[in-house]
Amino acid sequence: MGSLRVFMCFMVFYAMVSIQITCCQSKICLPKKQVALFIFGDSQFDVGNNNYINSTILAQANFDPYGETFFNLFEFNLVDAPEYAKVPLLLPYLHPASYLDDYILGANFASAGSGALVETRQGLVIDLKTQASYFKQVSKHLKQKLGVGEAKAFLGNAVYIIAVGDNDYTSFLFSNSSTVGIKDPREFVDAVIGNISSVIQEIYEAGGRKFGLLNVGPSNCYPIIRRFMNGSSLDACLEEEGSAIARLHRTALPKMLEKLEKQLEGFQYSLTDYYGALIEVMKFPSNYGFKEGEVGCCGGGAYRGDFSCGGKRGIEEFELCENVNDYVYFDSVHHTDRANQYFAELMWSGDNHFTQPYNVKQLFEFQV
């Protein structure tokens, strides 16, 4: 499911990009110094696309207490930052009004619960390949409106953020059989990485050049898994299969990106080690301003790991903590606003301890 949408925290920093409108002779007036942002992935980044498809309540969260620290506007619990009132938030791509600005700020295609594989929760979410197909429609639209040359520059200078994989691995580990008929973990990771690589290349062919990615988290250490699968220590859950397959992904993803960098002219990327950063925050929450790194703020059972926050997912009873800002996890799998802000800062301006070879701020500054 991912760890809640880091994207909305990231938009605080995206506000640094100028959005002053300039005069133009094309059919679209582009803002001065505009760097568009295109978003792909799962619940880390979804701002409501699942509300427009035949999804389930498991992949939606447009109800209380989600959003309680962000004006009750969006699903899940978004960043509590007053600056956001002035940030040009991207509507979900499937929102009826998302096209009105001709995507000059970008677009958000992400879908909570989705995976890199088409088969992951097929029919209930928007898989990564379908998200890429939506982007190609946007690319075609921009080329018609701007002309090929101007659209090429616009799309080449845009930044493309991708976070996906968690749902593929949880489906692989906790369903009776692999959705793609693969039983070996290494082969399954290869399939996930292969699909991510394929989508990046599709975006590249449509005009994208600058990509920011996160790897996946240690899934066996999420409250939802510890609640139902173990009661072990943090160190112990890191050694179990769910976290082990995440480590395989953690190793394979940078190798794939390095390979693409050599193959694709002008390709640039930033990779944030969400796996390593999350473990650090969970182990030493007080070092990052938190009091609780392992238990959810909202939910029930051990670790508040029941996916019951809001009482609309088949379990009506749930607890809600008094001070959400003390917690790393908001519910059994997604983070609080404050935790998201920390991970967003790593993406935006982190040094090479967790984010390399560039950070996303540097990607925005690069000119194609």
Protein backbone atom coordinates (compact mmCIF):
# COMPACT_ATOMS: atom_id res chain seq x y z
CA MET A 1 0.00 0.00 0.00
CA GLY A 2 2.89 2.35 0.40
CA SER A 3 3.49 4.64 3.28
CA LEU A 4 1.09 7.55 2.58
CA ARG A 5 1.60 10.22 0.02
CA VAL A 6 4.92 11.98 0.44
CA PHE A 7 3.87 13.98 -2.61
CA MET A 8 1.69 16.46 -0.77
CA CYS A 9 4.53 17.29 1.59
CA PHE A 10 6.78 17.61 -1.39
CA MET A 11 4.46 20.26 -2.81
CA VAL A 12 5.63 22.67 -0.10
CA PHE A 13 8.97 22.69 -1.84
CA TYR A 14 7.46 22.64 -5.30
CA ALA A 15 5.97 26.03 -4.44
CA MET A 16 9.47 27.44 -4.83
CA VAL A 17 9.03 27.07 -8.60
CA SER A 18 7.74 30.28 -10.19
CA ILE A 19 4.21 30.14 -11.56
CA GLN A 20 3.94 33.68 -12.88
CA ILE A 21 2.23 33.65 -16.27
CA THR A 22 4.19 34.96 -19.22
CA CYS A 23 2.97 36.24 -22.58
CA CYS A 24 2.90 33.65 -25.30
CA GLN A 25 2.02 33.12 -28.90
CA SER A 26 1.04 29.47 -28.62
CA LYS A 27 -2.42 28.25 -27.63
CA ILE A 28 -1.19 27.72 -24.04
CA CYS A 29 0.46 30.43 -21.96
CA LEU A 30 3.21 28.81 -19.94
CA PRO A 31 4.28 30.31 -16.60
CA LYS A 32 7.74 31.86 -16.43
CA LYS A 33 10.48 29.41 -15.46
CA GLN A 34 7.82 26.71 -15.22
CA VAL A 35 8.93 23.23 -14.29
CA ALA A 36 5.96 20.88 -14.39
CA LEU A 37 5.58 17.93 -12.03
CA PHE A 38 4.11 14.59 -13.12
CA ILE A 39 3.27 12.04 -10.42
CA PHE A 40 3.00 8.25 -10.74
CA GLY A 41 2.59 5.51 -8.17
CA ASP A 42 0.51 4.27 -5.26
CA SER A 43 -0.93 5.67 -2.03
CA GLN A 44 2.25 7.58 -1.29
CA PHE A 45 1.15 10.02 -4.00
CA ASP A 46 -2.54 9.45 -4.77
CA VAL A 47 -4.59 12.60 -4.15
CA GLY A 48 -7.94 11.08 -5.07
CA ASN A 49 -7.85 9.26 -8.42
CA ASN A 50 -9.38 6.19 -6.79
CA ASN A 51 -12.51 8.17 -6.03
CA TYR A 52 -13.22 8.17 -9.78
CA ILE A 53 -12.85 4.45 -10.51
CA ASN A 54 -14.57 1.25 -9.42
CA SER A 55 -12.27 0.88 -6.44
CA THR A 56 -12.97 -0.35 -2.91
CA ILE A 57 -13.04 1.43 0.42
CA LEU A 58 -9.72 -0.27 1.16
CA ALA A 59 -8.05 1.91 -1.47
CA GLN A 60 -9.82 5.14 -0.50
CA ALA A 61 -9.68 7.39 2.53
CA ASN A 62 -11.85 10.42 1.85
CA PHE A 63 -13.45 10.20 5.28
CA ASP A 64 -12.69 11.20 8.88
CA PRO A 65 -10.28 11.14 10.59
CA TYR A 66 -8.14 11.16 7.43
CA GLY A 67 -7.30 14.68 6.39
CA GLU A 68 -7.93 16.04 9.88
CA THR A 69 -4.71 18.05 9.78
CA PHE A 70 -5.11 19.24 6.20
CA PHE A 71 -8.47 21.05 5.98
CA ASN A 72 -10.30 17.69 5.56
CA LEU A 73 -9.79 18.06 1.83
CA PHE A 74 -8.02 14.92 0.65
CA GLU A 75 -7.89 11.23 1.32
CA PHE A 76 -5.38 9.95 3.84
CA ASN A 77 -3.72 12.33 6.26
CA LEU A 78 -1.84 15.08 4.46
CA VAL A 79 0.77 17.58 5.55
CA ASP A 80 -0.22 20.07 8.19
CA ALA A 81 1.50 23.16 6.86
CA PRO A 82 -0.14 26.61 6.50
CA GLU A 83 2.02 27.31 3.44
CA TYR A 84 -0.02 24.75 1.53
CA ALA A 85 -2.92 27.14 1.15
CA LYS A 86 -0.75 29.01 -1.40
CA VAL A 87 0.67 25.94 -3.14
CA PRO A 88 -0.66 25.01 -6.59
CA LEU A 89 -1.88 21.54 -5.62
CA LEU A 90 -2.40 19.18 -8.51
CA LEU A 91 -5.86 17.72 -8.85
CA PRO A 92 -6.12 13.98 -9.46
CA TYR A 93 -5.84 13.35 -13.18
CA LEU A 94 -9.31 11.78 -13.28
CA HIS A 95 -10.93 14.82 -11.64
CA PRO A 96 -13.31 16.41 -14.17
CA ALA A 97 -11.51 19.77 -13.89
CA SER A 98 -7.92 18.53 -14.04
CA TYR A 99 -7.50 19.48 -17.70
CA LEU A 100 -8.58 23.11 -17.34
CA ASP A 101 -5.05 24.51 -17.06
CA ASP A 102 -3.84 22.29 -19.92
CA TYR A 103 -1.51 20.52 -17.46
CA ILE A 104 0.95 23.44 -17.36
CA LEU A 105 1.71 22.55 -13.71
CA GLY A 106 1.77 18.81 -14.44
CA ALA A 107 -0.61 16.02 -13.47
CA ASN A 108 -1.07 13.38 -10.77
CA PHE A 109 -1.84 9.88 -12.06
CA ALA A 110 -1.18 7.93 -8.84
CA SER A 111 -3.61 5.33 -7.52
CA ALA A 112 -3.67 4.01 -3.96
CA GLY A 113 -3.18 0.24 -3.86
CA SER A 114 -1.64 0.07 -7.32
CA GLY A 115 1.50 -1.75 -8.37
CA ALA A 116 4.11 -1.87 -11.07
CA LEU A 117 2.46 -5.07 -12.31
CA VAL A 118 -0.87 -4.91 -14.14
CA GLU A 119 -2.03 -7.97 -12.18
CA THR A 120 -1.66 -6.33 -8.75
CA ARG A 121 -5.23 -5.63 -7.56
CA GLN A 122 -6.29 -5.66 -11.18
CA GLY A 123 -9.63 -3.99 -11.82
CA LEU A 124 -9.60 -2.10 -8.51
CA VAL A 125 -6.72 0.32 -9.07
CA ILE A 126 -4.87 2.14 -11.84
CA ASP A 127 -1.68 0.20 -12.47
CA LEU A 128 1.59 1.92 -13.37
CA LYS A 129 1.39 1.08 -17.07
CA THR A 130 -2.09 2.59 -17.32
CA GLN A 131 -0.83 5.68 -15.50
CA ALA A 132 1.90 5.96 -18.13
CA SER A 133 -0.73 5.68 -20.88
CA TYR A 134 -2.55 8.65 -19.30
CA PHE A 135 0.67 10.63 -19.38
CA LYS A 136 1.16 9.82 -23.05
CA GLN A 137 -2.30 11.28 -23.71
CA VAL A 138 -1.22 14.44 -21.88
CA SER A 139 2.01 14.53 -23.89
CA LYS A 140 0.05 14.27 -27.12
CA HIS A 141 -2.30 17.04 -25.96
CA LEU A 142 0.63 19.35 -25.16
CA LYS A 143 2.27 18.73 -28.53
CA GLN A 144 -0.98 19.66 -30.27
CA LYS A 145 -1.40 22.82 -28.17
CA LEU A 146 2.21 24.01 -27.96
CA GLY A 147 3.73 22.60 -31.08
CA VAL A 148 6.31 19.82 -31.09
CA GLY A 149 9.34 22.00 -30.32
CA GLU A 150 7.91 23.89 -27.36
CA ALA A 151 6.28 20.76 -25.96
CA LYS A 152 9.59 18.91 -26.20
CA ALA A 153 11.29 21.60 -24.10
CA PHE A 154 8.39 21.70 -21.62
CA LEU A 155 8.27 17.93 -21.14
CA GLY A 156 12.05 17.60 -21.06
CA ASN A 157 12.35 20.12 -18.23
CA ALA A 158 9.48 18.59 -16.25
CA VAL A 159 10.18 16.26 -13.31
CA TYR A 160 8.60 12.81 -13.09
CA ILE A 161 8.16 11.31 -9.60
CA ILE A 162 7.49 7.58 -9.19
CA ALA A 163 6.86 5.52 -6.06
CA VAL A 164 5.59 1.99 -6.59
CA GLY A 165 6.29 -1.63 -5.64
CA ASP A 166 5.02 -2.06 -2.08
CA ASN A 167 1.65 -3.40 -3.20
CA ASP A 168 3.23 -5.84 -5.65
CA TYR A 169 5.32 -7.35 -2.87
CA THR A 170 2.53 -7.55 -0.29
CA SER A 171 0.33 -9.26 -2.89
CA PHE A 172 3.15 -11.68 -3.67
CA LEU A 173 3.78 -12.51 -0.02
CA PHE A 174 0.29 -12.66 1.40
CA SER A 175 -1.85 -14.09 -1.38
CA ASN A 176 -2.11 -17.82 -1.97
CA SER A 177 -0.13 -17.60 -5.19
CA SER A 178 1.71 -15.01 -7.22
CA THR A 179 -0.58 -12.99 -9.46
CA VAL A 180 1.88 -13.46 -12.34
CA GLY A 181 2.73 -17.11 -11.68
CA ILE A 182 6.18 -16.38 -10.23
CA LYS A 183 7.11 -18.06 -6.95
CA ASP A 184 10.79 -17.17 -6.61
CA PRO A 185 11.28 -13.80 -4.82
CA ARG A 186 14.27 -12.78 -6.95
CA GLU A 187 12.38 -13.47 -10.16
CA PHE A 188 9.41 -11.51 -8.84
CA VAL A 189 11.60 -8.51 -7.99
CA ASP A 190 13.04 -8.71 -11.50
CA ALA A 191 9.50 -8.55 -12.91
CA VAL A 192 8.61 -5.50 -10.80
CA ILE A 193 11.87 -3.71 -11.65
CA GLY A 194 11.41 -4.62 -15.30
CA ASN A 195 7.97 -3.02 -15.39
CA ILE A 196 9.22 0.13 -13.69
CA SER A 197 12.06 0.33 -16.21
CA SER A 198 9.62 -0.17 -19.08
CA VAL A 199 7.37 2.65 -17.85
CA ILE A 200 10.32 5.01 -17.38
CA GLN A 201 11.34 4.32 -20.97
CA GLU A 202 7.77 4.97 -22.16
CA ILE A 203 7.78 8.32 -20.35
CA TYR A 204 11.22 9.07 -21.81
CA GLU A 205 9.99 8.34 -25.33
CA ALA A 206 7.05 10.71 -24.71
CA GLY A 207 9.44 13.49 -23.64
CA GLY A 208 10.46 12.91 -20.01
CA ARG A 209 14.11 13.25 -18.99
CA LYS A 210 14.27 13.90 -15.22
CA PHE A 211 13.02 11.24 -12.81
CA GLY A 212 12.74 11.07 -9.03
CA LEU A 213 12.09 7.68 -7.41
CA LEU A 214 11.68 6.15 -3.97
CA ASN A 215 12.37 2.52 -3.20
CA VAL A 216 9.96 0.44 -1.09
CA GLY A 217 9.73 0.18 2.68
CA PRO A 218 10.42 -2.78 5.01
CA SER A 219 6.90 -4.14 4.74
CA ASN A 220 7.16 -6.70 7.54
CA CYS A 221 7.78 -3.84 9.93
CA TYR A 222 4.61 -1.91 9.06
CA PRO A 223 2.08 -2.00 11.94
CA ILE A 224 -0.44 -3.87 9.78
CA ILE A 225 1.96 -6.77 9.21
CA ARG A 226 3.33 -6.87 12.75
CA ARG A 227 -0.24 -6.94 14.05
CA PHE A 228 -1.23 -10.05 12.07
CA MET A 229 2.02 -11.82 11.24
CA ASN A 230 4.27 -11.31 14.23
CA GLY A 231 4.81 -9.57 17.51
CA SER A 232 8.54 -9.50 17.17
CA SER A 233 11.06 -6.74 17.67
CA LEU A 234 11.94 -4.24 14.98
CA ASP A 235 15.23 -6.01 14.29
CA ALA A 236 13.42 -9.34 13.95
CA CYS A 237 10.81 -8.08 11.49
CA LEU A 238 13.60 -6.73 9.31
CA GLU A 239 14.87 -10.27 8.83
CA GLU A 240 11.53 -11.71 7.73
CA GLU A 241 10.51 -12.39 4.14
CA GLY A 242 8.59 -9.19 3.49
CA SER A 243 11.51 -6.99 4.44
CA ALA A 244 13.96 -9.32 2.71
CA ILE A 245 12.20 -8.95 -0.64
CA ALA A 246 12.18 -5.18 -0.11
CA ARG A 247 15.95 -5.32 0.31
CA LEU A 248 16.23 -7.15 -3.02
CA HIS A 249 14.26 -4.30 -4.58
CA ARG A 250 16.50 -1.79 -2.77
CA THR A 251 19.54 -3.37 -4.45
CA ALA A 252 18.00 -3.84 -7.90
CA LEU A 253 16.44 -0.40 -8.38
CA PRO A 254 19.65 1.68 -8.42
CA LYS A 255 21.28 -0.83 -10.77
CA MET A 256 18.38 -0.45 -13.18
CA LEU A 257 18.59 3.36 -13.02
CA GLU A 258 22.33 3.32 -13.59
CA LYS A 259 21.75 1.14 -16.65
CA LEU A 260 19.14 3.54 -18.04
CA GLU A 261 21.47 6.48 -17.43
CA LYS A 262 23.99 4.84 -19.76
CA GLN A 263 21.41 3.90 -22.38
CA LEU A 264 19.20 7.00 -22.59
CA GLU A 265 20.69 10.30 -23.68
CA GLY A 266 19.87 13.13 -21.27
CA PHE A 267 18.37 10.80 -18.65
CA GLN A 268 18.82 12.10 -15.10
CA TYR A 269 17.50 10.68 -11.86
CA SER A 270 17.23 11.04 -8.11
CA LEU A 271 16.71 8.00 -5.90
CA THR A 272 15.64 8.35 -2.27
CA ASP A 273 16.32 5.39 0.02
CA TYR A 274 12.95 5.33 1.73
CA TYR A 275 13.72 1.86 3.11
CA GLY A 276 16.80 3.01 5.01
CA ALA A 277 15.32 6.35 6.07
CA LEU A 278 12.17 4.75 7.48
CA ILE A 279 14.12 2.22 9.53
CA GLU A 280 16.17 5.03 11.05
CA VAL A 281 13.06 6.98 12.04
CA MET A 282 11.36 3.89 13.46
CA LYS A 283 14.43 2.90 15.49
CA PHE A 284 15.26 6.36 16.78
CA PRO A 285 12.05 8.42 16.66
CA SER A 286 13.19 10.94 19.26
CA ASN A 287 16.12 11.91 17.02
CA TYR A 288 13.56 13.17 14.51
CA GLY A 289 11.10 14.80 16.90
CA PHE A 290 8.71 11.86 17.35
CA LYS A 291 7.69 9.94 20.47
CA GLU A 292 6.39 6.76 18.78
CA GLY A 293 7.97 5.11 15.76
CA GLU A 294 6.26 1.72 15.58
CA VAL A 295 2.61 2.07 16.64
CA GLY A 296 -0.05 3.74 14.49
CA CYS A 297 -1.97 6.77 15.71
CA CYS A 298 -5.27 5.47 14.34
CA GLY A 299 -6.43 1.84 14.32
CA GLY A 300 -6.93 -1.12 16.62
CA GLY A 301 -5.16 -4.18 17.95
CA ALA A 302 -1.45 -4.64 18.54
CA TYR A 303 0.58 -1.74 17.13
CA ARG A 304 -2.84 -0.31 16.13
CA GLY A 305 -2.24 -2.48 13.14
CA ASP A 306 -5.87 -3.19 12.24
CA PHE A 307 -6.67 -1.31 9.02
CA SER A 308 -9.73 0.06 10.80
CA CYS A 309 -9.07 3.82 11.00
CA GLY A 310 -12.38 5.58 10.34
CA GLY A 311 -14.40 2.42 10.95
CA LYS A 312 -15.40 1.92 7.31
CA ARG A 313 -13.27 -1.04 6.24
CA GLY A 314 -15.14 -3.86 7.91
CA ILE A 315 -13.90 -3.13 11.44
CA GLU A 316 -15.91 -0.39 13.14
CA GLU A 317 -13.91 0.00 16.33
CA PHE A 318 -10.68 1.98 16.30
CA GLU A 319 -8.59 4.18 18.56
CA LEU A 320 -7.25 7.62 17.70
CA CYS A 321 -4.20 9.07 19.43
CA GLU A 322 -4.32 12.46 21.15
CA ASN A 323 -1.38 14.06 19.36
CA VAL A 324 -0.83 12.86 15.81
CA ASN A 325 2.44 14.80 15.57
CA ASP A 326 4.06 12.43 18.07
CA TYR A 327 3.69 9.48 15.67
CA VAL A 328 5.54 8.25 12.60
CA TYR A 329 2.52 6.19 11.44
CA PHE A 330 -0.94 7.67 11.11
CA ASP A 331 -2.72 4.38 10.48
CA SER A 332 -1.51 0.82 10.13
CA VAL A 333 0.53 1.50 7.01
CA HIS A 334 0.54 5.23 6.13
CA HIS A 335 2.53 8.01 7.74
CA THR A 336 1.57 11.17 9.56
CA ASP A 337 1.98 14.62 8.06
CA ARG A 338 5.12 15.27 10.09
CA ALA A 339 6.74 12.03 9.01
CA ASN A 340 5.84 12.72 5.39
CA GLN A 341 7.41 16.13 5.66
CA TYR A 342 10.67 14.55 6.77
CA PHE A 343 10.69 12.10 3.84
CA ALA A 344 9.75 14.90 1.45
CA GLU A 345 12.71 16.94 2.66
CA LEU A 346 14.97 13.97 1.93
CA MET A 347 13.60 13.81 -1.59
CA TRP A 348 13.84 17.53 -2.16
CA SER A 349 17.17 18.52 -0.64
CA GLY A 350 18.69 15.42 0.97
CA ASP A 351 22.42 14.77 0.76
CA ASN A 352 23.85 11.55 -0.62
CA HIS A 353 23.29 9.64 2.63
CA PHE A 354 19.71 8.79 1.61
CA THR A 355 19.24 10.58 -1.74
CA GLN A 356 21.55 10.16 -4.72
CA PRO A 357 23.11 10.89 -7.15
CA TYR A 358 21.02 14.10 -7.18
CA ASN A 359 18.14 15.35 -5.08
CA VAL A 360 14.86 16.50 -6.62
CA LYS A 361 15.68 20.18 -6.10
CA GLN A 362 18.69 19.70 -8.35
CA LEU A 363 16.52 17.97 -10.96
CA PHE A 364 14.24 21.01 -11.03
CA GLU A 365 17.24 23.25 -11.58
CA PHE A 366 18.71 21.23 -14.47
CA GLN A 367 17.86 22.60 -17.90
CA VAL A 368 17.44 20.19 -20.79
